[in-house]
Amino acid sequence: MGKTPKKVRRVVLDTNILVSALLFTGELYKMVDLWRQGKVVPLISRETFEELRAVLEYPKFSLAPDEIQAIIENEILPFFEVVEIRRNVRGVCRDPGDDRFLACALSGSAHFLLSGDKDLIELKKYKSIRIIKASEFLKLFE
């Protein structure tokens, strides 16, 4: 019997993790089940949402506008908590674009930031937020 989290975890998923969870049926699809079951509260900000929407529009995913809208309406809006960025983060990550995920996590009092991005993972922690790979996070629910 594996470890069972004692409380609902507040998490920020970087865009690559979120897109993989939403569009593919691999291991990361388990994240969708976690938020549907209320075991995690995924957090998203306007800035991280705009990036997600732009990525979903990439030609390589071949998603029609109505498919993108369905993903947003069925998987994002009912389950994600929208965070207003109250605490900006600048200059923490090597890639300045990654700071938006730290700002979302910080402003939303996240427990975890899940990423596959080497620059974020190398930080390991930002303030009280643990930065780990999604696969490591999923082990908490086994």
N, C-alpha and C. Protein backbone atom coordinates (compact mmCIF):
# COMPACT_ATOMS: atom_id res chain seq x y z
N MET A 1 0.85 -1.19 0.00
CA MET A 1 0.00 0.00 0.00
C MET A 1 0.88 1.24 0.00
N GLY A 2 0.62 2.16 -0.87
CA GLY A 2 1.45 3.35 -1.03
C GLY A 2 1.06 4.46 -0.08
N LYS A 3 1.74 5.57 -0.22
CA LYS A 3 1.48 6.73 0.61
C LYS A 3 0.21 7.42 0.14
N THR A 4 -0.59 7.87 1.07
CA THR A 4 -1.78 8.62 0.72
C THR A 4 -1.61 10.04 1.25
N PRO A 5 -1.75 11.02 0.39
CA PRO A 5 -1.61 12.40 0.87
C PRO A 5 -2.67 12.71 1.93
N LYS A 6 -2.27 13.43 2.94
CA LYS A 6 -3.18 13.75 4.03
C LYS A 6 -4.13 14.89 3.69
N LYS A 7 -3.77 15.68 2.71
CA LYS A 7 -4.63 16.80 2.35
C LYS A 7 -4.57 17.04 0.85
N VAL A 8 -5.51 17.80 0.37
CA VAL A 8 -5.54 18.14 -1.04
C VAL A 8 -4.35 19.03 -1.33
N ARG A 9 -3.64 18.72 -2.40
CA ARG A 9 -2.44 19.46 -2.77
C ARG A 9 -2.77 20.53 -3.81
N ARG A 10 -2.26 21.71 -3.59
CA ARG A 10 -2.41 22.80 -4.54
C ARG A 10 -1.19 22.76 -5.45
N VAL A 11 -1.43 22.66 -6.76
CA VAL A 11 -0.33 22.46 -7.70
C VAL A 11 -0.42 23.40 -8.89
N VAL A 12 0.74 23.77 -9.38
CA VAL A 12 0.85 24.47 -10.66
C VAL A 12 1.54 23.49 -11.60
N LEU A 13 0.97 23.33 -12.78
CA LEU A 13 1.57 22.46 -13.79
C LEU A 13 2.13 23.35 -14.88
N ASP A 14 3.40 23.18 -15.23
CA ASP A 14 3.91 23.99 -16.33
C ASP A 14 3.19 23.55 -17.61
N THR A 15 3.31 24.33 -18.64
CA THR A 15 2.51 24.12 -19.85
C THR A 15 2.76 22.75 -20.48
N ASN A 16 4.00 22.30 -20.53
CA ASN A 16 4.28 21.00 -21.14
C ASN A 16 3.61 19.86 -20.38
N ILE A 17 3.64 19.93 -19.07
CA ILE A 17 3.00 18.90 -18.24
C ILE A 17 1.50 18.94 -18.46
N LEU A 18 0.94 20.13 -18.46
CA LEU A 18 -0.51 20.27 -18.62
C LEU A 18 -0.98 19.78 -19.99
N VAL A 19 -0.26 20.16 -21.03
CA VAL A 19 -0.63 19.71 -22.38
C VAL A 19 -0.53 18.19 -22.49
N SER A 20 0.52 17.61 -21.94
CA SER A 20 0.67 16.15 -21.97
C SER A 20 -0.47 15.47 -21.22
N ALA A 21 -0.85 16.01 -20.08
CA ALA A 21 -1.95 15.43 -19.29
C ALA A 21 -3.27 15.52 -20.05
N LEU A 22 -3.49 16.63 -20.73
CA LEU A 22 -4.77 16.85 -21.43
C LEU A 22 -4.88 16.11 -22.76
N LEU A 23 -3.78 15.98 -23.48
CA LEU A 23 -3.87 15.48 -24.86
C LEU A 23 -3.41 14.05 -25.07
N PHE A 24 -2.68 13.49 -24.11
CA PHE A 24 -2.11 12.16 -24.32
C PHE A 24 -2.53 11.22 -23.20
N THR A 25 -2.51 9.94 -23.48
CA THR A 25 -3.00 8.96 -22.50
C THR A 25 -1.88 8.29 -21.72
N GLY A 26 -0.73 8.87 -21.67
CA GLY A 26 0.39 8.30 -20.92
C GLY A 26 0.25 8.51 -19.42
N GLU A 27 1.35 8.36 -18.72
CA GLU A 27 1.36 8.47 -17.26
C GLU A 27 0.77 9.80 -16.77
N LEU A 28 1.06 10.88 -17.48
CA LEU A 28 0.60 12.19 -17.01
C LEU A 28 -0.91 12.35 -17.07
N TYR A 29 -1.59 11.49 -17.81
CA TYR A 29 -3.06 11.55 -17.83
C TYR A 29 -3.63 11.31 -16.44
N LYS A 30 -2.87 10.65 -15.58
CA LYS A 30 -3.31 10.42 -14.19
C LYS A 30 -3.57 11.75 -13.47
N MET A 31 -2.91 12.82 -13.91
CA MET A 31 -3.15 14.14 -13.31
C MET A 31 -4.59 14.56 -13.50
N VAL A 32 -5.14 14.28 -14.68
CA VAL A 32 -6.53 14.63 -14.96
C VAL A 32 -7.45 13.94 -13.96
N ASP A 33 -7.21 12.66 -13.70
CA ASP A 33 -8.01 11.93 -12.72
C ASP A 33 -7.89 12.56 -11.34
N LEU A 34 -6.69 12.98 -10.97
CA LEU A 34 -6.49 13.59 -9.65
C LEU A 34 -7.30 14.86 -9.48
N TRP A 35 -7.31 15.72 -10.51
CA TRP A 35 -8.10 16.94 -10.32
C TRP A 35 -9.59 16.67 -10.44
N ARG A 36 -10.00 15.72 -11.27
CA ARG A 36 -11.42 15.36 -11.35
C ARG A 36 -11.93 14.78 -10.03
N GLN A 37 -11.08 14.06 -9.32
CA GLN A 37 -11.45 13.44 -8.05
C GLN A 37 -11.29 14.40 -6.87
N GLY A 38 -10.78 15.60 -7.13
CA GLY A 38 -10.60 16.58 -6.07
C GLY A 38 -9.40 16.30 -5.17
N LYS A 39 -8.48 15.47 -5.62
CA LYS A 39 -7.29 15.16 -4.82
C LYS A 39 -6.21 16.22 -4.97
N VAL A 40 -6.28 16.98 -6.05
CA VAL A 40 -5.40 18.12 -6.25
C VAL A 40 -6.24 19.31 -6.72
N VAL A 41 -5.77 20.49 -6.39
CA VAL A 41 -6.37 21.71 -6.92
C VAL A 41 -5.32 22.33 -7.83
N PRO A 42 -5.53 22.21 -9.15
CA PRO A 42 -4.58 22.84 -10.06
C PRO A 42 -4.82 24.34 -10.12
N LEU A 43 -3.75 25.08 -10.18
CA LEU A 43 -3.82 26.55 -10.20
C LEU A 43 -3.38 27.06 -11.56
N ILE A 44 -4.03 28.12 -12.00
CA ILE A 44 -3.67 28.73 -13.28
C ILE A 44 -3.87 30.24 -13.16
N SER A 45 -3.00 30.98 -13.78
CA SER A 45 -3.12 32.44 -13.80
C SER A 45 -3.45 32.88 -15.23
N ARG A 46 -3.76 34.13 -15.39
CA ARG A 46 -4.03 34.64 -16.73
C ARG A 46 -2.82 34.41 -17.64
N GLU A 47 -1.63 34.64 -17.10
CA GLU A 47 -0.41 34.50 -17.88
C GLU A 47 -0.14 33.04 -18.27
N THR A 48 -0.34 32.13 -17.33
CA THR A 48 -0.09 30.73 -17.66
C THR A 48 -1.20 30.18 -18.56
N PHE A 49 -2.42 30.69 -18.39
CA PHE A 49 -3.53 30.28 -19.26
C PHE A 49 -3.27 30.74 -20.70
N GLU A 50 -2.80 31.97 -20.87
CA GLU A 50 -2.52 32.48 -22.22
C GLU A 50 -1.47 31.63 -22.91
N GLU A 51 -0.46 31.20 -22.18
CA GLU A 51 0.56 30.33 -22.76
C GLU A 51 -0.05 28.98 -23.14
N LEU A 52 -0.88 28.42 -22.27
CA LEU A 52 -1.53 27.14 -22.57
C LEU A 52 -2.36 27.25 -23.85
N ARG A 53 -3.16 28.28 -23.93
CA ARG A 53 -4.01 28.45 -25.11
C ARG A 53 -3.17 28.56 -26.39
N ALA A 54 -2.09 29.31 -26.32
CA ALA A 54 -1.21 29.47 -27.49
C ALA A 54 -0.60 28.13 -27.89
N VAL A 55 -0.18 27.33 -26.91
CA VAL A 55 0.42 26.03 -27.21
C VAL A 55 -0.62 25.08 -27.81
N LEU A 56 -1.83 25.10 -27.29
CA LEU A 56 -2.88 24.23 -27.84
C LEU A 56 -3.19 24.56 -29.30
N GLU A 57 -2.88 25.78 -29.70
CA GLU A 57 -3.12 26.20 -31.09
C GLU A 57 -1.98 25.81 -32.03
N TYR A 58 -0.89 25.25 -31.50
CA TYR A 58 0.21 24.83 -32.37
C TYR A 58 -0.30 23.84 -33.41
N PRO A 59 0.13 24.00 -34.66
CA PRO A 59 -0.30 23.08 -35.73
C PRO A 59 -0.01 21.61 -35.44
N LYS A 60 1.07 21.32 -34.71
CA LYS A 60 1.42 19.91 -34.47
C LYS A 60 0.36 19.16 -33.68
N PHE A 61 -0.52 19.87 -32.95
CA PHE A 61 -1.57 19.19 -32.21
C PHE A 61 -2.85 19.02 -33.02
N SER A 62 -2.95 19.72 -34.14
CA SER A 62 -4.10 19.59 -35.05
C SER A 62 -5.45 19.73 -34.34
N LEU A 63 -5.53 20.66 -33.41
CA LEU A 63 -6.79 20.88 -32.71
C LEU A 63 -7.58 22.01 -33.36
N ALA A 64 -8.84 21.74 -33.63
CA ALA A 64 -9.72 22.77 -34.17
C ALA A 64 -10.10 23.73 -33.04
N PRO A 65 -10.48 24.96 -33.38
CA PRO A 65 -10.86 25.92 -32.33
C PRO A 65 -11.94 25.38 -31.38
N ASP A 66 -12.92 24.64 -31.91
CA ASP A 66 -13.95 24.11 -31.02
C ASP A 66 -13.41 23.02 -30.10
N GLU A 67 -12.39 22.29 -30.52
CA GLU A 67 -11.76 21.28 -29.66
C GLU A 67 -11.00 21.96 -28.52
N ILE A 68 -10.31 23.03 -28.84
CA ILE A 68 -9.58 23.79 -27.82
C ILE A 68 -10.58 24.35 -26.81
N GLN A 69 -11.67 24.91 -27.32
CA GLN A 69 -12.71 25.46 -26.44
C GLN A 69 -13.30 24.38 -25.54
N ALA A 70 -13.50 23.18 -26.08
CA ALA A 70 -14.05 22.07 -25.29
C ALA A 70 -13.08 21.67 -24.17
N ILE A 71 -11.79 21.63 -24.48
CA ILE A 71 -10.79 21.31 -23.45
C ILE A 71 -10.86 22.34 -22.33
N ILE A 72 -10.91 23.60 -22.70
CA ILE A 72 -10.96 24.67 -21.70
C ILE A 72 -12.23 24.58 -20.86
N GLU A 73 -13.37 24.39 -21.52
CA GLU A 73 -14.65 24.35 -20.81
C GLU A 73 -14.85 23.09 -19.98
N ASN A 74 -14.30 21.96 -20.43
CA ASN A 74 -14.54 20.68 -19.74
C ASN A 74 -13.45 20.28 -18.76
N GLU A 75 -12.22 20.70 -19.00
CA GLU A 75 -11.11 20.25 -18.15
C GLU A 75 -10.42 21.36 -17.36
N ILE A 76 -10.52 22.59 -17.82
CA ILE A 76 -9.84 23.68 -17.12
C ILE A 76 -10.82 24.42 -16.20
N LEU A 77 -11.83 25.02 -16.76
CA LEU A 77 -12.74 25.88 -15.99
C LEU A 77 -13.39 25.19 -14.79
N PRO A 78 -13.87 23.95 -14.91
CA PRO A 78 -14.53 23.34 -13.74
C PRO A 78 -13.58 22.95 -12.61
N PHE A 79 -12.31 22.79 -12.89
CA PHE A 79 -11.40 22.20 -11.91
C PHE A 79 -10.27 23.11 -11.44
N PHE A 80 -9.86 24.05 -12.27
CA PHE A 80 -8.70 24.89 -11.96
C PHE A 80 -9.12 26.12 -11.18
N GLU A 81 -8.32 26.47 -10.21
CA GLU A 81 -8.52 27.71 -9.48
C GLU A 81 -7.72 28.80 -10.19
N VAL A 82 -8.39 29.87 -10.53
CA VAL A 82 -7.72 30.98 -11.21
C VAL A 82 -7.08 31.87 -10.14
N VAL A 83 -5.79 32.08 -10.31
CA VAL A 83 -5.00 32.83 -9.35
C VAL A 83 -4.71 34.21 -9.91
N GLU A 84 -4.95 35.21 -9.09
CA GLU A 84 -4.54 36.56 -9.45
C GLU A 84 -3.10 36.75 -8.96
N ILE A 85 -2.23 37.17 -9.85
CA ILE A 85 -0.83 37.34 -9.49
C ILE A 85 -0.70 38.57 -8.59
N ARG A 86 -0.43 38.31 -7.33
CA ARG A 86 -0.24 39.38 -6.34
C ARG A 86 1.24 39.57 -6.03
N ARG A 87 2.02 38.55 -6.36
CA ARG A 87 3.46 38.61 -6.07
C ARG A 87 4.22 38.24 -7.33
N ASN A 88 4.74 39.24 -8.00
CA ASN A 88 5.51 39.00 -9.22
C ASN A 88 6.86 38.37 -8.88
N VAL A 89 7.32 37.57 -9.80
CA VAL A 89 8.62 36.92 -9.66
C VAL A 89 9.42 37.28 -10.90
N ARG A 90 10.61 37.79 -10.70
CA ARG A 90 11.47 38.15 -11.83
C ARG A 90 12.91 37.75 -11.53
N GLY A 91 13.57 37.21 -12.55
CA GLY A 91 14.98 36.92 -12.43
C GLY A 91 15.35 35.69 -11.63
N VAL A 92 14.37 34.84 -11.32
CA VAL A 92 14.68 33.63 -10.56
C VAL A 92 15.13 32.51 -11.50
N CYS A 93 14.43 32.36 -12.62
CA CYS A 93 14.75 31.30 -13.58
C CYS A 93 15.68 31.82 -14.67
N ARG A 94 16.47 30.91 -15.21
CA ARG A 94 17.32 31.28 -16.35
C ARG A 94 16.47 31.73 -17.53
N ASP A 95 15.34 31.05 -17.73
CA ASP A 95 14.39 31.43 -18.77
C ASP A 95 13.35 32.33 -18.12
N PRO A 96 13.35 33.62 -18.43
CA PRO A 96 12.41 34.55 -17.79
C PRO A 96 10.94 34.14 -17.95
N GLY A 97 10.63 33.41 -19.01
CA GLY A 97 9.25 32.95 -19.21
C GLY A 97 8.79 31.97 -18.16
N ASP A 98 9.73 31.30 -17.49
CA ASP A 98 9.37 30.35 -16.44
C ASP A 98 8.98 31.03 -15.14
N ASP A 99 9.38 32.27 -14.97
CA ASP A 99 9.03 32.99 -13.74
C ASP A 99 7.52 33.10 -13.55
N ARG A 100 6.75 33.08 -14.64
CA ARG A 100 5.28 33.19 -14.53
C ARG A 100 4.70 32.01 -13.76
N PHE A 101 5.33 30.83 -13.86
CA PHE A 101 4.84 29.66 -13.13
C PHE A 101 5.15 29.78 -11.64
N LEU A 102 6.33 30.33 -11.34
CA LEU A 102 6.67 30.59 -9.93
C LEU A 102 5.73 31.63 -9.33
N ALA A 103 5.42 32.67 -10.10
CA ALA A 103 4.51 33.71 -9.62
C ALA A 103 3.12 33.14 -9.36
N CYS A 104 2.65 32.27 -10.24
CA CYS A 104 1.35 31.62 -10.06
C CYS A 104 1.37 30.76 -8.81
N ALA A 105 2.42 29.97 -8.65
CA ALA A 105 2.54 29.09 -7.49
C ALA A 105 2.60 29.90 -6.19
N LEU A 106 3.38 30.95 -6.19
CA LEU A 106 3.53 31.78 -5.00
C LEU A 106 2.23 32.50 -4.66
N SER A 107 1.61 33.12 -5.65
CA SER A 107 0.37 33.86 -5.42
C SER A 107 -0.79 32.95 -5.04
N GLY A 108 -0.75 31.69 -5.51
CA GLY A 108 -1.82 30.74 -5.22
C GLY A 108 -1.54 29.82 -4.05
N SER A 109 -0.48 30.07 -3.32
CA SER A 109 -0.10 29.24 -2.17
C SER A 109 -0.01 27.76 -2.55
N ALA A 110 0.65 27.48 -3.67
CA ALA A 110 0.81 26.12 -4.14
C ALA A 110 1.78 25.35 -3.24
N HIS A 111 1.53 24.06 -3.14
CA HIS A 111 2.46 23.16 -2.45
C HIS A 111 3.56 22.72 -3.42
N PHE A 112 3.17 22.53 -4.69
CA PHE A 112 4.08 21.99 -5.69
C PHE A 112 3.97 22.75 -7.00
N LEU A 113 5.09 22.81 -7.70
CA LEU A 113 5.14 23.22 -9.11
C LEU A 113 5.68 22.00 -9.85
N LEU A 114 4.88 21.48 -10.77
CA LEU A 114 5.25 20.28 -11.52
C LEU A 114 5.77 20.68 -12.87
N SER A 115 6.95 20.18 -13.20
CA SER A 115 7.60 20.59 -14.43
C SER A 115 8.50 19.48 -14.95
N GLY A 116 8.80 19.56 -16.22
CA GLY A 116 9.81 18.72 -16.84
C GLY A 116 10.96 19.59 -17.32
N ASP A 117 10.83 20.89 -17.10
CA ASP A 117 11.81 21.87 -17.55
C ASP A 117 13.03 21.84 -16.63
N LYS A 118 14.19 21.57 -17.22
CA LYS A 118 15.43 21.43 -16.46
C LYS A 118 15.72 22.67 -15.61
N ASP A 119 15.49 23.85 -16.16
CA ASP A 119 15.78 25.08 -15.43
C ASP A 119 14.93 25.20 -14.16
N LEU A 120 13.67 24.79 -14.26
CA LEU A 120 12.81 24.84 -13.07
C LEU A 120 13.16 23.72 -12.09
N ILE A 121 13.32 22.51 -12.60
CA ILE A 121 13.61 21.36 -11.74
C ILE A 121 14.89 21.59 -10.93
N GLU A 122 15.88 22.21 -11.54
CA GLU A 122 17.14 22.46 -10.83
C GLU A 122 16.97 23.36 -9.61
N LEU A 123 15.92 24.18 -9.61
CA LEU A 123 15.68 25.04 -8.44
C LEU A 123 15.29 24.21 -7.21
N LYS A 124 14.58 23.11 -7.42
CA LYS A 124 14.10 22.18 -6.38
C LYS A 124 13.07 22.80 -5.45
N LYS A 125 13.25 24.05 -5.12
CA LYS A 125 12.33 24.71 -4.20
C LYS A 125 12.37 26.21 -4.45
N TYR A 126 11.22 26.83 -4.31
CA TYR A 126 11.17 28.29 -4.35
C TYR A 126 10.27 28.72 -3.20
N LYS A 127 10.83 29.42 -2.25
CA LYS A 127 10.15 29.76 -1.00
C LYS A 127 9.67 28.44 -0.39
N SER A 128 8.35 28.25 -0.21
CA SER A 128 7.85 26.99 0.37
C SER A 128 7.34 26.01 -0.69
N ILE A 129 7.53 26.32 -1.96
CA ILE A 129 6.99 25.52 -3.05
C ILE A 129 8.02 24.50 -3.53
N ARG A 130 7.66 23.23 -3.49
CA ARG A 130 8.55 22.19 -4.01
C ARG A 130 8.39 22.12 -5.53
N ILE A 131 9.50 22.07 -6.23
CA ILE A 131 9.50 21.99 -7.69
C ILE A 131 10.02 20.61 -8.06
N ILE A 132 9.12 19.79 -8.60
CA ILE A 132 9.47 18.40 -8.89
C ILE A 132 8.89 17.97 -10.23
N LYS A 133 9.36 16.83 -10.71
CA LYS A 133 8.80 16.23 -11.92
C LYS A 133 7.43 15.67 -11.60
N ALA A 134 6.55 15.68 -12.59
CA ALA A 134 5.19 15.17 -12.40
C ALA A 134 5.21 13.70 -12.00
N SER A 135 6.13 12.93 -12.57
CA SER A 135 6.21 11.50 -12.23
C SER A 135 6.50 11.30 -10.75
N GLU A 136 7.34 12.15 -10.18
CA GLU A 136 7.65 12.08 -8.75
C GLU A 136 6.41 12.44 -7.93
N PHE A 137 5.68 13.45 -8.36
CA PHE A 137 4.45 13.85 -7.67
C PHE A 137 3.43 12.73 -7.70
N LEU A 138 3.27 12.08 -8.84
CA LEU A 138 2.27 11.01 -8.97
C LEU A 138 2.55 9.85 -8.01
N LYS A 139 3.80 9.65 -7.66
CA LYS A 139 4.14 8.57 -6.71
C LYS A 139 3.51 8.80 -5.34
N LEU A 140 3.19 10.05 -5.00
CA LEU A 140 2.54 10.34 -3.74
C LEU A 140 1.14 9.72 -3.66
N PHE A 141 0.58 9.39 -4.80
CA PHE A 141 -0.79 8.88 -4.87
C PHE A 141 -0.86 7.39 -5.16
N GLU A 142 0.27 6.71 -5.19
CA GLU A 142 0.28 5.26 -5.49
C GLU A 142 -0.14 4.48 -4.25
